[in-house]
Amino acid sequence: MKLQNESEKETYNVLLVDDHQMFLDGLEFILSKEPDLSVIAEANNGKNALPLVKNMQVDLVITDINMPEMDGITLTKHIKQEYPHIKVLVLSMHNEKSIISQIMQSEADGYVLKNCRKQELLLAIRTVLDNGTYYCKEVANLIRENYKTLTSQEKIELTPREKEILELIVQEYSSQEIAEKLHISKRTVDTHRINIMEKTNSNTLIGLIKYAIQHKILNVLI
């Protein structure tokens, strides 16, 4: 939950999940230097993380993938099903296409490799906390390559206006911002948004990104 400190600045509660204590210590040290981020708990696997997610006011979970008892992908799926308001950032060394595909399907809000710089990690954290999505360059490139090789499923035709609005939605424009940009009413945008969700069988931004890449409506993720 966002808290208000004495300077009225928002503070976000972070849960760290990784089975390597030394990495947890290093990550906590980095985040401790950021006044708007507060590490409130740690867990060494997904199974131990779930009770913390349930009983604590968590805004962001930063998790590894490979962990004993419950991996990070399974943890992410549980969180997104039960607590969709909680953001999940995957931080891992894995950059294989199969792993990335599973993370996309789990609807994680972001994916950053462990060899990233501190500045990129903090950018990813603040992007997802601001209701955005963040995939580091290496991962984004693999996502694009993966979807270029997919054979098209049943063809879903969007109107030119729907494609235009979809591109803006994926770029994280709000309905009001889209309405102003296209000189149409917000109600019209909301109607188009509902139609797009139904046609693409997507109910999240990640789902729309996947559709937009697969159908070459959007070429750049980050």
Protein backbone atom coordinates (compact mmCIF):
# COMPACT_ATOMS: atom_id res chain seq x y z
CA MET A 1 0.00 0.00 0.00
CA LYS A 2 1.17 3.50 -0.71
CA LEU A 3 2.09 5.25 2.49
CA GLN A 4 2.56 8.95 3.24
CA ASN A 5 5.70 9.95 5.07
CA GLU A 6 6.39 13.29 6.66
CA SER A 7 7.25 14.91 3.33
CA GLU A 8 4.00 13.61 1.80
CA LYS A 9 5.95 11.46 -0.65
CA GLU A 10 4.47 8.11 -1.63
CA THR A 11 6.29 5.03 -0.36
CA TYR A 12 5.78 1.60 -1.94
CA ASN A 13 6.07 -1.67 -0.03
CA VAL A 14 8.28 -4.27 -1.73
CA LEU A 15 8.53 -8.03 -1.18
CA LEU A 16 11.73 -9.72 -2.39
CA VAL A 17 11.67 -13.41 -3.39
CA ASP A 18 14.88 -15.28 -4.22
CA ASP A 19 16.56 -18.42 -2.95
CA HIS A 20 20.02 -16.81 -2.78
CA GLN A 21 20.42 -14.84 0.42
CA MET A 22 23.45 -12.93 -0.81
CA PHE A 23 21.44 -11.64 -3.77
CA LEU A 24 18.55 -10.68 -1.47
CA ASP A 25 20.96 -8.76 0.74
CA GLY A 26 22.41 -6.90 -2.23
CA LEU A 27 19.00 -6.06 -3.66
CA GLU A 28 17.71 -4.87 -0.31
CA PHE A 29 20.78 -2.64 0.06
CA ILE A 30 20.13 -1.03 -3.35
CA LEU A 31 16.47 -0.40 -2.58
CA SER A 32 17.21 0.92 0.91
CA LYS A 33 18.83 3.95 -0.73
CA GLU A 34 15.55 4.87 -2.44
CA PRO A 35 13.24 6.92 -0.16
CA ASP A 36 10.10 5.88 -2.05
CA LEU A 37 10.79 2.12 -1.79
CA SER A 38 10.50 0.08 1.40
CA VAL A 39 11.47 -3.60 1.55
CA ILE A 40 9.01 -5.00 4.09
CA ALA A 41 9.77 -8.73 3.77
CA GLU A 42 11.82 -11.42 2.04
CA ALA A 43 11.10 -15.03 1.08
CA ASN A 44 13.31 -17.77 -0.33
CA ASN A 45 10.64 -19.31 -2.59
CA GLY A 46 7.14 -18.75 -3.91
CA LYS A 47 5.49 -20.99 -1.34
CA ASN A 48 6.83 -18.91 1.53
CA ALA A 49 6.03 -15.68 -0.31
CA LEU A 50 2.29 -16.31 -0.70
CA PRO A 51 1.37 -15.91 3.01
CA LEU A 52 3.33 -12.65 3.04
CA VAL A 53 1.44 -11.40 0.00
CA LYS A 54 -1.84 -12.33 1.68
CA ASN A 55 -1.14 -10.85 5.09
CA MET A 56 0.98 -7.79 4.31
CA GLN A 57 0.26 -4.65 2.33
CA VAL A 58 2.48 -5.33 -0.66
CA ASP A 59 2.67 -3.05 -3.71
CA LEU A 60 5.44 -4.83 -5.63
CA VAL A 61 6.89 -8.34 -5.67
CA ILE A 62 10.36 -8.77 -7.17
CA THR A 63 10.96 -12.45 -7.81
CA ASP A 64 13.47 -14.84 -9.31
CA ILE A 65 12.27 -17.74 -11.50
CA ASN A 66 14.05 -20.92 -10.39
CA MET A 67 13.36 -21.59 -6.72
CA PRO A 68 12.57 -24.72 -4.69
CA GLU A 69 8.98 -25.72 -3.82
CA MET A 70 7.36 -22.97 -5.91
CA ASP A 71 9.02 -21.14 -8.79
CA GLY A 72 8.58 -17.50 -9.72
CA ILE A 73 6.28 -18.14 -12.67
CA THR A 74 3.82 -20.11 -10.54
CA LEU A 75 4.05 -17.43 -7.85
CA THR A 76 3.29 -14.72 -10.41
CA LYS A 77 0.22 -16.60 -11.67
CA HIS A 78 -1.11 -16.94 -8.12
CA ILE A 79 -0.57 -13.26 -7.39
CA LYS A 80 -2.21 -12.08 -10.61
CA GLN A 81 -5.20 -14.35 -10.06
CA GLU A 82 -5.75 -13.48 -6.40
CA TYR A 83 -4.25 -10.00 -6.06
CA PRO A 84 -4.22 -8.39 -9.53
CA HIS A 85 -3.46 -4.95 -8.05
CA ILE A 86 -0.04 -6.13 -6.88
CA LYS A 87 2.75 -5.53 -9.40
CA VAL A 88 5.23 -8.30 -10.21
CA LEU A 89 8.71 -7.72 -11.60
CA VAL A 90 10.69 -10.82 -12.57
CA LEU A 91 14.43 -10.50 -12.03
CA SER A 92 16.34 -13.48 -13.40
CA MET A 93 19.34 -14.66 -15.41
CA HIS A 94 17.13 -16.62 -17.84
CA ASN A 95 16.63 -15.20 -21.33
CA GLU A 96 15.44 -18.31 -23.18
CA LYS A 97 12.41 -17.88 -25.43
CA SER A 98 10.47 -20.64 -23.67
CA ILE A 99 10.95 -19.03 -20.26
CA ILE A 100 10.04 -15.57 -21.55
CA SER A 101 6.88 -16.98 -23.13
CA GLN A 102 5.84 -18.49 -19.79
CA ILE A 103 6.46 -15.18 -18.03
CA MET A 104 4.34 -13.33 -20.59
CA GLN A 105 1.55 -15.85 -20.04
CA SER A 106 1.81 -15.39 -16.28
CA GLU A 107 1.11 -11.67 -16.89
CA ALA A 108 4.13 -10.37 -14.98
CA ASP A 109 4.38 -6.60 -15.23
CA GLY A 110 8.05 -6.66 -16.15
CA TYR A 111 11.13 -8.78 -16.74
CA VAL A 112 14.71 -7.66 -16.19
CA LEU A 113 17.90 -9.70 -16.35
CA LYS A 114 20.03 -9.89 -13.22
CA ASN A 115 23.04 -8.47 -15.05
CA CYS A 116 21.25 -5.15 -15.63
CA ARG A 117 22.56 -1.90 -14.19
CA LYS A 118 21.08 -0.46 -11.03
CA GLN A 119 19.60 2.44 -12.99
CA GLU A 120 17.66 0.09 -15.27
CA LEU A 121 16.36 -1.92 -12.33
CA LEU A 122 15.06 1.23 -10.66
CA LEU A 123 13.53 2.40 -13.94
CA ALA A 124 11.76 -0.95 -14.30
CA ILE A 125 10.48 -0.79 -10.72
CA ARG A 126 9.06 2.70 -11.08
CA THR A 127 7.59 1.93 -14.50
CA VAL A 128 5.55 -1.02 -13.23
CA LEU A 129 4.54 0.84 -10.07
CA ASP A 130 3.21 3.57 -12.35
CA ASN A 131 0.96 0.94 -14.01
CA GLY A 132 3.31 0.44 -16.92
CA THR A 133 5.14 -2.62 -18.24
CA TYR A 134 8.89 -2.97 -18.59
CA TYR A 135 10.89 -5.60 -20.44
CA CYS A 136 14.61 -5.05 -20.80
CA LYS A 137 16.00 -4.71 -24.32
CA GLU A 138 17.35 -8.26 -24.56
CA VAL A 139 14.03 -9.75 -23.48
CA ALA A 140 11.98 -7.42 -25.70
CA ASN A 141 14.04 -8.47 -28.73
CA LEU A 142 13.42 -12.14 -28.00
CA ILE A 143 9.69 -11.47 -27.59
CA ARG A 144 9.55 -9.83 -31.00
CA GLU A 145 11.50 -12.68 -32.61
CA ASN A 146 9.25 -15.25 -30.94
CA TYR A 147 6.03 -13.72 -32.18
CA LYS A 148 7.39 -13.21 -35.67
CA THR A 149 7.80 -16.98 -35.93
CA LEU A 150 4.33 -17.82 -34.65
CA THR A 151 1.87 -19.01 -37.21
CA SER A 152 -1.22 -16.82 -37.20
CA GLN A 153 -4.20 -18.24 -35.42
CA GLU A 154 -7.72 -17.45 -36.48
CA LYS A 155 -7.55 -14.05 -38.16
CA ILE A 156 -9.26 -11.33 -36.18
CA GLU A 157 -9.98 -8.19 -38.13
CA LEU A 158 -9.78 -4.90 -36.30
CA THR A 159 -11.04 -1.77 -37.96
CA PRO A 160 -8.47 0.94 -38.79
CA ARG A 161 -9.77 3.01 -35.88
CA GLU A 162 -9.51 0.03 -33.50
CA LYS A 163 -5.92 -0.57 -34.61
CA GLU A 164 -5.15 3.09 -34.01
CA ILE A 165 -6.64 2.96 -30.53
CA LEU A 166 -4.98 -0.37 -29.74
CA GLU A 167 -1.57 1.10 -30.53
CA LEU A 168 -2.24 4.00 -28.16
CA ILE A 169 -3.55 1.68 -25.44
CA VAL A 170 -0.38 -0.42 -25.65
CA GLN A 171 1.65 2.78 -25.37
CA GLU A 172 -0.26 3.31 -22.09
CA TYR A 173 -2.36 6.30 -23.09
CA SER A 174 -5.46 6.66 -20.92
CA SER A 175 -8.92 6.72 -22.50
CA GLN A 176 -9.11 10.48 -21.91
CA GLU A 177 -5.71 11.04 -23.53
CA ILE A 178 -6.71 8.91 -26.53
CA ALA A 179 -9.95 10.84 -26.88
CA GLU A 180 -8.10 14.15 -26.90
CA LYS A 181 -5.46 12.89 -29.34
CA LEU A 182 -8.01 11.52 -31.82
CA HIS A 183 -10.60 14.28 -31.25
CA ILE A 184 -13.35 11.86 -30.24
CA SER A 185 -15.31 11.41 -27.01
CA LYS A 186 -14.03 9.34 -24.09
CA ARG A 187 -17.22 7.26 -24.30
CA THR A 188 -16.36 6.38 -27.92
CA VAL A 189 -12.85 5.36 -26.84
CA ASP A 190 -14.25 3.19 -24.04
CA THR A 191 -16.61 1.50 -26.52
CA HIS A 192 -13.71 0.78 -28.88
CA ARG A 193 -11.64 -0.51 -25.95
CA ILE A 194 -14.36 -3.01 -25.01
CA ASN A 195 -14.65 -4.18 -28.64
CA ILE A 196 -10.88 -4.58 -28.91
CA MET A 197 -10.74 -6.63 -25.72
CA GLU A 198 -13.52 -8.91 -26.98
CA LYS A 199 -12.05 -9.34 -30.47
CA THR A 200 -8.53 -10.10 -29.22
CA ASN A 201 -9.74 -12.18 -26.27
CA SER A 202 -7.50 -10.07 -24.00
CA ASN A 203 -8.29 -8.51 -20.67
CA THR A 204 -4.86 -7.17 -19.70
CA LEU A 205 -2.25 -4.86 -21.18
CA ILE A 206 0.14 -7.81 -21.55
CA GLY A 207 -2.45 -9.66 -23.62
CA LEU A 208 -2.90 -6.65 -25.88
CA ILE A 209 0.88 -6.27 -26.29
CA LYS A 210 1.15 -9.90 -27.35
CA TYR A 211 -1.66 -9.46 -29.87
CA ALA A 212 -0.24 -6.19 -31.21
CA ILE A 213 3.22 -7.72 -31.79
CA GLN A 214 1.86 -10.91 -33.34
CA HIS A 215 -0.28 -8.96 -35.79
CA LYS A 216 2.42 -6.34 -36.48
CA ILE A 217 0.34 -3.46 -35.11
CA LEU A 218 3.14 -2.52 -32.70
CA ASN A 219 6.84 -2.91 -33.47
CA VAL A 220 8.46 -1.49 -30.34
CA LEU A 221 7.90 -2.59 -26.76
CA ILE A 222 10.20 -0.29 -24.85
